[in-house]
Amino acid sequence: MVRSDADTHMGASVSTSLDSSQHGKRYPAPVKDGSAVVFAVHPMSYETWAFEGLDANGLVGLHVSDFGFRIVTTAIPRRTLKSYPMYCVQSWRSSKKIFTFWFTDDSASTSGGVNRSVQTCQLSTTWVPAIMETVDKVVARVISTRESRRMSDEEFLTFVGELDAVPAEDERRGSMILQYT
């Protein structure tokens, strides 16, 4: 479900379309899609998907949800270009305008089987703080539903306390979270 222009994210209006040519901005505001959020990003990698679904301004969408990360087209209906399930994501980090995440790539086959190499994906946008906030919300939601079922309340509160002590920009935060999901 795409929400109306009245919705906000990080203090900015959330629109219903990511097509940057309609907004006159390089990076239009994020779009809510149910419990997920789609951000307009510029791919900084040389994978095939980075050239397939670009809009007129060279942007694709980063769909952040409980599933993980998906690269989608900005036009509606959105077409998925590449999926990165949360179980494949190793870690993530951000700088001022670059969101980077590491993932295991099972697609590269070798003669003896599957080669599980760690790859990186870098995306540029002015919405990096909003992406990090959304990832934190998704992780909190996933952890609270999964871990609260497996851990005692005391263990869960201890884990949440340890997690809150690590700054959001710290690379260790992503790996701490992923070991519990």
N, C-alpha and C. Protein backbone atom coordinates (compact mmCIF):
# COMPACT_ATOMS: atom_id res chain seq x y z
N MET A 1 0.84 -1.17 0.00
CA MET A 1 0.00 0.00 0.00
C MET A 1 0.89 1.23 0.00
N VAL A 2 0.67 2.12 -0.93
CA VAL A 2 1.41 3.37 -0.98
C VAL A 2 0.59 4.42 -0.28
N ARG A 3 1.20 5.18 0.58
CA ARG A 3 0.47 6.16 1.38
C ARG A 3 0.42 7.52 0.70
N SER A 4 -0.34 8.41 1.26
CA SER A 4 -0.55 9.71 0.65
C SER A 4 0.59 10.68 0.96
N ASP A 5 0.51 11.86 0.34
CA ASP A 5 1.52 12.89 0.56
C ASP A 5 1.52 13.42 1.98
N ALA A 6 0.49 13.11 2.75
CA ALA A 6 0.42 13.61 4.12
C ALA A 6 1.37 12.85 5.05
N ASP A 7 1.80 11.65 4.66
CA ASP A 7 2.73 10.88 5.49
C ASP A 7 4.08 11.57 5.50
N THR A 8 4.80 11.39 6.61
CA THR A 8 6.13 11.99 6.70
C THR A 8 7.15 10.97 7.11
N HIS A 9 8.39 11.23 6.75
CA HIS A 9 9.51 10.37 7.13
C HIS A 9 10.69 11.29 7.37
N MET A 10 11.27 11.24 8.55
CA MET A 10 12.40 12.10 8.92
C MET A 10 12.04 13.58 8.72
N GLY A 11 10.77 13.94 8.98
CA GLY A 11 10.35 15.32 8.88
C GLY A 11 10.05 15.78 7.48
N ALA A 12 10.17 14.91 6.48
CA ALA A 12 9.91 15.29 5.10
C ALA A 12 8.62 14.63 4.63
N SER A 13 7.97 15.26 3.71
CA SER A 13 6.76 14.69 3.13
C SER A 13 7.10 13.44 2.34
N VAL A 14 6.29 12.40 2.48
CA VAL A 14 6.50 11.16 1.75
C VAL A 14 5.54 11.16 0.58
N SER A 15 6.04 11.08 -0.62
CA SER A 15 5.19 11.12 -1.80
C SER A 15 4.79 9.72 -2.23
N THR A 16 3.99 9.64 -3.27
CA THR A 16 3.54 8.34 -3.76
C THR A 16 4.37 7.86 -4.94
N SER A 17 5.23 8.70 -5.48
CA SER A 17 6.03 8.32 -6.64
C SER A 17 7.49 8.66 -6.41
N LEU A 18 8.36 7.77 -6.88
CA LEU A 18 9.80 8.02 -6.77
C LEU A 18 10.37 8.57 -8.07
N ASP A 19 9.55 8.76 -9.07
CA ASP A 19 10.05 9.21 -10.37
C ASP A 19 10.61 10.62 -10.22
N SER A 20 11.93 10.73 -10.24
CA SER A 20 12.60 12.00 -9.97
C SER A 20 12.31 13.05 -11.03
N SER A 21 11.94 12.65 -12.23
CA SER A 21 11.65 13.63 -13.28
C SER A 21 10.37 14.39 -12.97
N GLN A 22 9.46 13.80 -12.18
CA GLN A 22 8.21 14.47 -11.82
C GLN A 22 8.40 15.46 -10.68
N HIS A 23 9.41 15.30 -9.88
CA HIS A 23 9.58 16.11 -8.68
C HIS A 23 10.54 17.28 -8.87
N GLY A 24 11.35 17.25 -9.88
CA GLY A 24 12.32 18.31 -10.08
C GLY A 24 13.47 18.28 -9.10
N LYS A 25 13.57 17.22 -8.31
CA LYS A 25 14.66 17.06 -7.35
C LYS A 25 15.51 15.88 -7.77
N ARG A 26 16.77 15.91 -7.39
CA ARG A 26 17.66 14.80 -7.70
C ARG A 26 17.21 13.53 -6.98
N TYR A 27 16.94 13.65 -5.68
CA TYR A 27 16.50 12.51 -4.88
C TYR A 27 15.15 12.84 -4.26
N PRO A 28 14.05 12.38 -4.85
CA PRO A 28 12.73 12.66 -4.28
C PRO A 28 12.56 12.01 -2.91
N ALA A 29 11.56 12.46 -2.18
CA ALA A 29 11.29 11.95 -0.83
C ALA A 29 10.98 10.45 -0.86
N PRO A 30 11.25 9.75 0.26
CA PRO A 30 10.96 8.32 0.35
C PRO A 30 9.46 8.04 0.19
N VAL A 31 9.15 6.82 -0.22
CA VAL A 31 7.78 6.40 -0.41
C VAL A 31 7.50 5.24 0.53
N LYS A 32 6.43 5.34 1.33
CA LYS A 32 6.03 4.24 2.21
C LYS A 32 5.30 3.21 1.35
N ASP A 33 5.63 1.96 1.59
CA ASP A 33 5.01 0.86 0.85
C ASP A 33 4.65 -0.21 1.88
N GLY A 34 3.50 -0.05 2.54
CA GLY A 34 3.14 -0.93 3.64
C GLY A 34 4.05 -0.67 4.81
N SER A 35 4.71 -1.72 5.32
CA SER A 35 5.66 -1.54 6.42
C SER A 35 7.06 -1.26 5.91
N ALA A 36 7.22 -1.22 4.59
CA ALA A 36 8.52 -0.94 3.97
C ALA A 36 8.60 0.52 3.53
N VAL A 37 9.82 0.96 3.23
CA VAL A 37 10.03 2.30 2.69
C VAL A 37 10.95 2.16 1.48
N VAL A 38 10.64 2.91 0.42
CA VAL A 38 11.45 2.90 -0.80
C VAL A 38 12.15 4.25 -0.93
N PHE A 39 13.47 4.21 -1.10
CA PHE A 39 14.28 5.42 -1.22
C PHE A 39 14.85 5.52 -2.63
N ALA A 40 14.90 6.73 -3.17
CA ALA A 40 15.55 6.97 -4.46
C ALA A 40 17.05 7.01 -4.23
N VAL A 41 17.79 6.16 -4.94
CA VAL A 41 19.24 6.06 -4.77
C VAL A 41 19.92 5.98 -6.13
N HIS A 42 21.19 6.33 -6.13
CA HIS A 42 22.02 6.20 -7.33
C HIS A 42 22.98 5.04 -7.10
N PRO A 43 22.94 4.01 -7.95
CA PRO A 43 23.85 2.87 -7.76
C PRO A 43 25.29 3.27 -8.03
N MET A 44 26.20 2.77 -7.20
CA MET A 44 27.62 3.05 -7.37
C MET A 44 28.38 1.77 -7.68
N SER A 45 27.68 0.76 -8.19
CA SER A 45 28.32 -0.51 -8.52
C SER A 45 28.15 -0.80 -10.00
N TYR A 46 28.80 -1.83 -10.45
CA TYR A 46 28.78 -2.16 -11.86
C TYR A 46 28.04 -3.46 -12.14
N GLU A 47 27.08 -3.81 -11.27
CA GLU A 47 26.29 -5.00 -11.52
C GLU A 47 25.30 -4.72 -12.65
N THR A 48 24.80 -5.77 -13.25
CA THR A 48 23.88 -5.64 -14.37
C THR A 48 22.66 -4.81 -14.00
N TRP A 49 22.09 -5.05 -12.81
CA TRP A 49 20.88 -4.33 -12.42
C TRP A 49 21.10 -2.82 -12.34
N ALA A 50 22.35 -2.40 -12.13
CA ALA A 50 22.64 -0.98 -11.98
C ALA A 50 22.39 -0.20 -13.27
N PHE A 51 22.26 -0.90 -14.38
CA PHE A 51 22.03 -0.23 -15.66
C PHE A 51 20.66 -0.54 -16.25
N GLU A 52 19.95 -1.53 -15.69
CA GLU A 52 18.69 -1.98 -16.27
C GLU A 52 17.50 -1.08 -15.98
N GLY A 53 17.35 -0.65 -14.75
CA GLY A 53 16.11 0.01 -14.36
C GLY A 53 16.24 1.47 -14.01
N LEU A 54 17.26 2.14 -14.49
CA LEU A 54 17.47 3.54 -14.14
C LEU A 54 16.37 4.43 -14.71
N ASP A 55 15.95 5.43 -13.93
CA ASP A 55 14.99 6.39 -14.46
C ASP A 55 15.74 7.49 -15.23
N ALA A 56 15.05 8.53 -15.61
CA ALA A 56 15.65 9.59 -16.43
C ALA A 56 16.82 10.28 -15.72
N ASN A 57 16.84 10.28 -14.40
CA ASN A 57 17.92 10.90 -13.64
C ASN A 57 18.95 9.89 -13.13
N GLY A 58 18.89 8.65 -13.62
CA GLY A 58 19.87 7.64 -13.23
C GLY A 58 19.63 7.04 -11.86
N LEU A 59 18.37 7.02 -11.41
CA LEU A 59 18.05 6.51 -10.08
C LEU A 59 17.30 5.19 -10.13
N VAL A 60 17.45 4.42 -9.07
CA VAL A 60 16.65 3.23 -8.81
C VAL A 60 16.10 3.38 -7.39
N GLY A 61 15.27 2.45 -6.97
CA GLY A 61 14.72 2.50 -5.62
C GLY A 61 15.39 1.47 -4.73
N LEU A 62 15.63 1.82 -3.47
CA LEU A 62 16.09 0.88 -2.45
C LEU A 62 14.89 0.60 -1.56
N HIS A 63 14.37 -0.62 -1.62
CA HIS A 63 13.19 -1.05 -0.85
C HIS A 63 13.71 -1.71 0.42
N VAL A 64 13.44 -1.10 1.57
CA VAL A 64 13.91 -1.60 2.87
C VAL A 64 12.71 -2.17 3.61
N SER A 65 12.78 -3.47 3.95
CA SER A 65 11.67 -4.13 4.64
C SER A 65 12.20 -5.24 5.54
N ASP A 66 11.28 -5.94 6.20
CA ASP A 66 11.65 -7.08 7.04
C ASP A 66 12.35 -8.16 6.22
N PHE A 67 12.05 -8.24 4.94
CA PHE A 67 12.67 -9.20 4.04
C PHE A 67 14.16 -8.93 3.88
N GLY A 68 14.53 -7.67 3.84
CA GLY A 68 15.91 -7.27 3.58
C GLY A 68 15.91 -6.06 2.67
N PHE A 69 16.82 -6.05 1.72
CA PHE A 69 16.92 -4.94 0.77
C PHE A 69 16.59 -5.45 -0.63
N ARG A 70 15.85 -4.65 -1.37
CA ARG A 70 15.59 -4.94 -2.77
C ARG A 70 15.89 -3.69 -3.58
N ILE A 71 16.46 -3.88 -4.74
CA ILE A 71 16.65 -2.77 -5.67
C ILE A 71 15.48 -2.86 -6.64
N VAL A 72 14.72 -1.77 -6.77
CA VAL A 72 13.53 -1.75 -7.60
C VAL A 72 13.56 -0.56 -8.55
N THR A 73 12.71 -0.61 -9.56
CA THR A 73 12.57 0.54 -10.45
C THR A 73 11.81 1.63 -9.71
N THR A 74 11.99 2.88 -10.13
CA THR A 74 11.28 3.98 -9.48
C THR A 74 9.86 4.13 -10.00
N ALA A 75 9.59 3.62 -11.19
CA ALA A 75 8.26 3.74 -11.79
C ALA A 75 7.30 2.73 -11.15
N ILE A 76 6.02 3.11 -11.13
CA ILE A 76 4.98 2.21 -10.61
C ILE A 76 4.32 1.54 -11.81
N PRO A 77 4.09 0.25 -11.86
CA PRO A 77 4.42 -0.72 -10.82
C PRO A 77 5.92 -0.96 -10.76
N ARG A 78 6.41 -1.14 -9.54
CA ARG A 78 7.84 -1.34 -9.34
C ARG A 78 8.24 -2.75 -9.77
N ARG A 79 9.36 -2.83 -10.45
CA ARG A 79 9.91 -4.11 -10.87
C ARG A 79 11.17 -4.35 -10.04
N THR A 80 11.29 -5.54 -9.45
CA THR A 80 12.47 -5.87 -8.65
C THR A 80 13.63 -6.19 -9.58
N LEU A 81 14.73 -5.48 -9.39
CA LEU A 81 15.93 -5.71 -10.19
C LEU A 81 16.88 -6.67 -9.49
N LYS A 82 16.97 -6.58 -8.16
CA LYS A 82 17.87 -7.44 -7.39
C LYS A 82 17.36 -7.51 -5.95
N SER A 83 17.43 -8.70 -5.36
CA SER A 83 17.00 -8.89 -3.98
C SER A 83 18.18 -9.30 -3.11
N TYR A 84 18.23 -8.74 -1.92
CA TYR A 84 19.24 -9.09 -0.92
C TYR A 84 18.51 -9.45 0.37
N PRO A 85 18.13 -10.73 0.53
CA PRO A 85 17.42 -11.13 1.76
C PRO A 85 18.27 -10.85 2.99
N MET A 86 17.61 -10.60 4.10
CA MET A 86 18.32 -10.25 5.34
C MET A 86 19.32 -11.32 5.75
N TYR A 87 19.02 -12.60 5.46
CA TYR A 87 19.97 -13.65 5.85
C TYR A 87 21.26 -13.59 5.04
N CYS A 88 21.26 -12.91 3.90
CA CYS A 88 22.48 -12.76 3.10
C CYS A 88 23.27 -11.51 3.48
N VAL A 89 22.61 -10.55 4.12
CA VAL A 89 23.27 -9.29 4.47
C VAL A 89 24.19 -9.52 5.66
N GLN A 90 25.45 -9.16 5.50
CA GLN A 90 26.46 -9.35 6.55
C GLN A 90 26.56 -8.15 7.48
N SER A 91 26.53 -6.95 6.90
CA SER A 91 26.70 -5.73 7.68
C SER A 91 26.32 -4.54 6.81
N TRP A 92 26.20 -3.38 7.41
CA TRP A 92 25.95 -2.16 6.67
C TRP A 92 26.60 -1.00 7.41
N ARG A 93 26.74 0.10 6.66
CA ARG A 93 27.37 1.29 7.24
C ARG A 93 26.96 2.47 6.39
N SER A 94 27.12 3.65 6.94
CA SER A 94 26.76 4.84 6.18
C SER A 94 27.80 5.93 6.37
N SER A 95 27.89 6.77 5.37
CA SER A 95 28.64 8.02 5.49
C SER A 95 27.63 9.12 5.17
N LYS A 96 28.08 10.30 4.92
CA LYS A 96 27.16 11.41 4.73
C LYS A 96 26.13 11.16 3.62
N LYS A 97 26.57 10.68 2.47
CA LYS A 97 25.65 10.46 1.35
C LYS A 97 25.78 9.09 0.71
N ILE A 98 26.45 8.15 1.38
CA ILE A 98 26.63 6.81 0.82
C ILE A 98 26.18 5.76 1.83
N PHE A 99 25.29 4.88 1.39
CA PHE A 99 24.86 3.73 2.19
C PHE A 99 25.52 2.50 1.58
N THR A 100 26.26 1.75 2.39
CA THR A 100 26.98 0.56 1.94
C THR A 100 26.52 -0.63 2.74
N PHE A 101 26.30 -1.76 2.05
CA PHE A 101 26.05 -2.99 2.78
C PHE A 101 26.82 -4.13 2.13
N TRP A 102 27.19 -5.10 2.97
CA TRP A 102 27.93 -6.28 2.53
C TRP A 102 26.97 -7.46 2.56
N PHE A 103 27.09 -8.34 1.58
CA PHE A 103 26.19 -9.49 1.50
C PHE A 103 26.94 -10.69 0.95
N THR A 104 26.44 -11.89 1.26
CA THR A 104 27.03 -13.09 0.66
C THR A 104 26.31 -13.34 -0.65
N ASP A 105 27.09 -13.63 -1.66
CA ASP A 105 26.56 -13.88 -2.99
C ASP A 105 26.70 -15.36 -3.29
N ASP A 106 25.57 -16.07 -3.32
CA ASP A 106 25.57 -17.50 -3.59
C ASP A 106 25.47 -17.80 -5.08
N SER A 107 25.33 -16.79 -5.91
CA SER A 107 25.07 -17.03 -7.33
C SER A 107 26.32 -17.43 -8.11
N ALA A 108 27.49 -17.08 -7.62
CA ALA A 108 28.72 -17.39 -8.35
C ALA A 108 29.05 -18.87 -8.16
N SER A 109 28.87 -19.66 -9.19
CA SER A 109 29.11 -21.10 -9.11
C SER A 109 30.55 -21.43 -9.44
N THR A 110 31.03 -22.46 -8.79
CA THR A 110 32.34 -23.00 -9.14
C THR A 110 32.11 -24.41 -9.64
N SER A 111 33.13 -25.05 -10.12
CA SER A 111 32.98 -26.40 -10.65
C SER A 111 32.55 -27.39 -9.57
N GLY A 112 32.90 -27.14 -8.33
CA GLY A 112 32.56 -28.05 -7.25
C GLY A 112 31.31 -27.66 -6.49
N GLY A 113 30.67 -26.56 -6.82
CA GLY A 113 29.48 -26.15 -6.09
C GLY A 113 29.33 -24.64 -6.05
N VAL A 114 28.81 -24.15 -4.96
CA VAL A 114 28.52 -22.73 -4.84
C VAL A 114 29.65 -22.02 -4.09
N ASN A 115 30.05 -20.90 -4.61
CA ASN A 115 31.07 -20.07 -3.99
C ASN A 115 30.37 -18.96 -3.21
N ARG A 116 30.48 -18.95 -1.90
CA ARG A 116 29.82 -17.95 -1.06
C ARG A 116 30.78 -16.78 -0.82
N SER A 117 30.85 -15.88 -1.75
CA SER A 117 31.76 -14.75 -1.60
C SER A 117 31.01 -13.55 -1.01
N VAL A 118 31.74 -12.73 -0.28
CA VAL A 118 31.15 -11.52 0.29
C VAL A 118 31.34 -10.39 -0.71
N GLN A 119 30.24 -9.76 -1.07
CA GLN A 119 30.22 -8.66 -2.03
C GLN A 119 29.78 -7.39 -1.30
N THR A 120 29.91 -6.28 -1.96
CA THR A 120 29.47 -5.01 -1.39
C THR A 120 28.56 -4.29 -2.37
N CYS A 121 27.65 -3.51 -1.84
CA CYS A 121 26.76 -2.68 -2.66
C CYS A 121 26.78 -1.28 -2.07
N GLN A 122 27.09 -0.30 -2.91
CA GLN A 122 27.12 1.09 -2.46
C GLN A 122 26.07 1.88 -3.22
N LEU A 123 25.31 2.66 -2.48
CA LEU A 123 24.24 3.47 -3.05
C LEU A 123 24.38 4.90 -2.53
N SER A 124 24.25 5.85 -3.43
CA SER A 124 24.39 7.26 -3.06
C SER A 124 23.02 7.92 -3.03
N THR A 125 22.77 8.72 -1.99
CA THR A 125 21.52 9.46 -1.86
C THR A 125 21.66 10.50 -0.75
N THR A 126 20.80 11.48 -0.75
CA THR A 126 20.77 12.45 0.34
C THR A 126 19.93 11.92 1.50
N TRP A 127 19.31 10.78 1.33
CA TRP A 127 18.41 10.19 2.34
C TRP A 127 19.10 9.15 3.22
N VAL A 128 20.42 9.15 3.31
CA VAL A 128 21.14 8.14 4.10
C VAL A 128 20.69 8.13 5.57
N PRO A 129 20.54 9.27 6.26
CA PRO A 129 20.07 9.20 7.65
C PRO A 129 18.69 8.53 7.76
N ALA A 130 17.81 8.80 6.80
CA ALA A 130 16.48 8.18 6.82
C ALA A 130 16.57 6.68 6.55
N ILE A 131 17.50 6.27 5.69
CA ILE A 131 17.70 4.84 5.43
C ILE A 131 18.16 4.16 6.72
N MET A 132 19.13 4.75 7.41
CA MET A 132 19.64 4.16 8.65
C MET A 132 18.53 4.09 9.71
N GLU A 133 17.71 5.11 9.80
CA GLU A 133 16.59 5.10 10.75
C GLU A 133 15.60 3.99 10.39
N THR A 134 15.31 3.83 9.12
CA THR A 134 14.39 2.78 8.67
C THR A 134 14.97 1.41 8.94
N VAL A 135 16.25 1.21 8.65
CA VAL A 135 16.89 -0.08 8.92
C VAL A 135 16.83 -0.38 10.41
N ASP A 136 17.08 0.62 11.26
CA ASP A 136 16.98 0.41 12.71
C ASP A 136 15.57 -0.01 13.12
N LYS A 137 14.55 0.64 12.54
CA LYS A 137 13.17 0.29 12.86
C LYS A 137 12.84 -1.13 12.41
N VAL A 138 13.27 -1.49 11.20
CA VAL A 138 13.03 -2.84 10.69
C VAL A 138 13.71 -3.87 11.58
N VAL A 139 14.96 -3.60 11.93
CA VAL A 139 15.71 -4.53 12.77
C VAL A 139 15.05 -4.66 14.14
N ALA A 140 14.64 -3.55 14.71
CA ALA A 140 13.97 -3.60 16.02
C ALA A 140 12.70 -4.43 15.94
N ARG A 141 11.94 -4.26 14.86
CA ARG A 141 10.71 -5.02 14.68
C ARG A 141 11.00 -6.51 14.52
N VAL A 142 11.98 -6.85 13.69
CA VAL A 142 12.33 -8.25 13.46
C VAL A 142 12.87 -8.89 14.73
N ILE A 143 13.76 -8.19 15.41
CA ILE A 143 14.34 -8.74 16.64
C ILE A 143 13.27 -8.93 17.70
N SER A 144 12.41 -7.96 17.87
CA SER A 144 11.42 -8.08 18.93
C SER A 144 10.46 -9.23 18.67
N THR A 145 10.11 -9.48 17.42
CA THR A 145 9.20 -10.60 17.15
C THR A 145 9.91 -11.94 17.22
N ARG A 146 11.13 -12.03 16.71
CA ARG A 146 11.84 -13.31 16.70
C ARG A 146 12.48 -13.63 18.05
N GLU A 147 13.22 -12.69 18.58
CA GLU A 147 13.98 -12.96 19.80
C GLU A 147 13.12 -13.02 21.04
N SER A 148 12.05 -12.25 21.07
CA SER A 148 11.21 -12.29 22.26
C SER A 148 10.58 -13.67 22.43
N ARG A 149 10.47 -14.40 21.35
CA ARG A 149 9.94 -15.76 21.42
C ARG A 149 10.98 -16.76 21.90
N ARG A 150 12.26 -16.50 21.61
CA ARG A 150 13.32 -17.46 21.94
C ARG A 150 14.07 -17.13 23.22
N MET A 151 14.10 -15.88 23.61
CA MET A 151 14.87 -15.47 24.78
C MET A 151 13.93 -15.20 25.95
N SER A 152 14.49 -15.32 27.14
CA SER A 152 13.73 -14.86 28.31
C SER A 152 13.69 -13.33 28.26
N ASP A 153 12.76 -12.75 28.98
CA ASP A 153 12.64 -11.29 29.00
C ASP A 153 13.93 -10.62 29.47
N GLU A 154 14.59 -11.21 30.45
CA GLU A 154 15.83 -10.63 30.97
C GLU A 154 16.94 -10.66 29.92
N GLU A 155 17.08 -11.80 29.22
CA GLU A 155 18.11 -11.91 28.17
C GLU A 155 17.83 -10.92 27.05
N PHE A 156 16.56 -10.79 26.67
CA PHE A 156 16.19 -9.88 25.60
C PHE A 156 16.49 -8.44 25.99
N LEU A 157 16.16 -8.03 27.20
CA LEU A 157 16.43 -6.67 27.65
C LEU A 157 17.93 -6.39 27.72
N THR A 158 18.72 -7.40 28.10
CA THR A 158 20.18 -7.25 28.12
C THR A 158 20.70 -7.03 26.71
N PHE A 159 20.21 -7.83 25.76
CA PHE A 159 20.63 -7.68 24.37
C PHE A 159 20.26 -6.30 23.83
N VAL A 160 19.04 -5.85 24.08
CA VAL A 160 18.62 -4.53 23.61
C VAL A 160 19.48 -3.44 24.24
N GLY A 161 19.84 -3.58 25.51
CA GLY A 161 20.72 -2.62 26.17
C GLY A 161 22.10 -2.57 25.53
N GLU A 162 22.66 -3.75 25.22
CA GLU A 162 23.97 -3.81 24.55
C GLU A 162 23.89 -3.17 23.17
N LEU A 163 22.81 -3.42 22.46
CA LEU A 163 22.62 -2.88 21.12
C LEU A 163 22.49 -1.36 21.16
N ASP A 164 21.74 -0.85 22.12
CA ASP A 164 21.58 0.61 22.26
C ASP A 164 22.88 1.31 22.61
N ALA A 165 23.82 0.60 23.22
CA ALA A 165 25.11 1.19 23.61
C ALA A 165 26.03 1.39 22.41
N VAL A 166 25.76 0.69 21.30
CA VAL A 166 26.60 0.80 20.10
C VAL A 166 26.02 1.90 19.21
N PRO A 167 26.83 2.90 18.80
CA PRO A 167 26.33 3.98 17.94
C PRO A 167 25.78 3.44 16.62
N ALA A 168 24.77 4.11 16.08
CA ALA A 168 24.11 3.68 14.84
C ALA A 168 25.08 3.60 13.67
N GLU A 169 26.13 4.44 13.65
CA GLU A 169 27.07 4.46 12.54
C GLU A 169 28.13 3.37 12.63
N ASP A 170 28.24 2.72 13.77
CA ASP A 170 29.28 1.72 14.01
C ASP A 170 29.00 0.45 13.22
N GLU A 171 30.02 -0.05 12.50
CA GLU A 171 29.89 -1.27 11.70
C GLU A 171 29.51 -2.48 12.55
N ARG A 172 29.92 -2.49 13.81
CA ARG A 172 29.63 -3.64 14.69
C ARG A 172 28.14 -3.78 14.95
N ARG A 173 27.40 -2.70 14.89
CA ARG A 173 25.96 -2.73 15.17
C ARG A 173 25.24 -3.68 14.22
N GLY A 174 25.55 -3.58 12.93
CA GLY A 174 24.91 -4.46 11.95
C GLY A 174 25.20 -5.92 12.20
N SER A 175 26.46 -6.25 12.48
CA SER A 175 26.80 -7.66 12.71
C SER A 175 26.21 -8.17 14.02
N MET A 176 26.12 -7.30 15.06
CA MET A 176 25.48 -7.72 16.31
C MET A 176 24.02 -8.08 16.07
N ILE A 177 23.36 -7.24 15.30
CA ILE A 177 21.94 -7.46 15.01
C ILE A 177 21.75 -8.73 14.21
N LEU A 178 22.57 -8.91 13.20
CA LEU A 178 22.39 -10.05 12.30
C LEU A 178 22.68 -11.38 12.97
N GLN A 179 23.51 -11.41 13.99
CA GLN A 179 23.76 -12.69 14.66
C GLN A 179 22.54 -13.15 15.45
N TYR A 180 21.61 -12.25 15.74
CA TYR A 180 20.41 -12.60 16.48
C TYR A 180 19.18 -12.76 15.60
N THR A 181 19.29 -12.47 14.29
CA THR A 181 18.11 -12.60 13.42
C THR A 181 18.13 -13.89 12.66
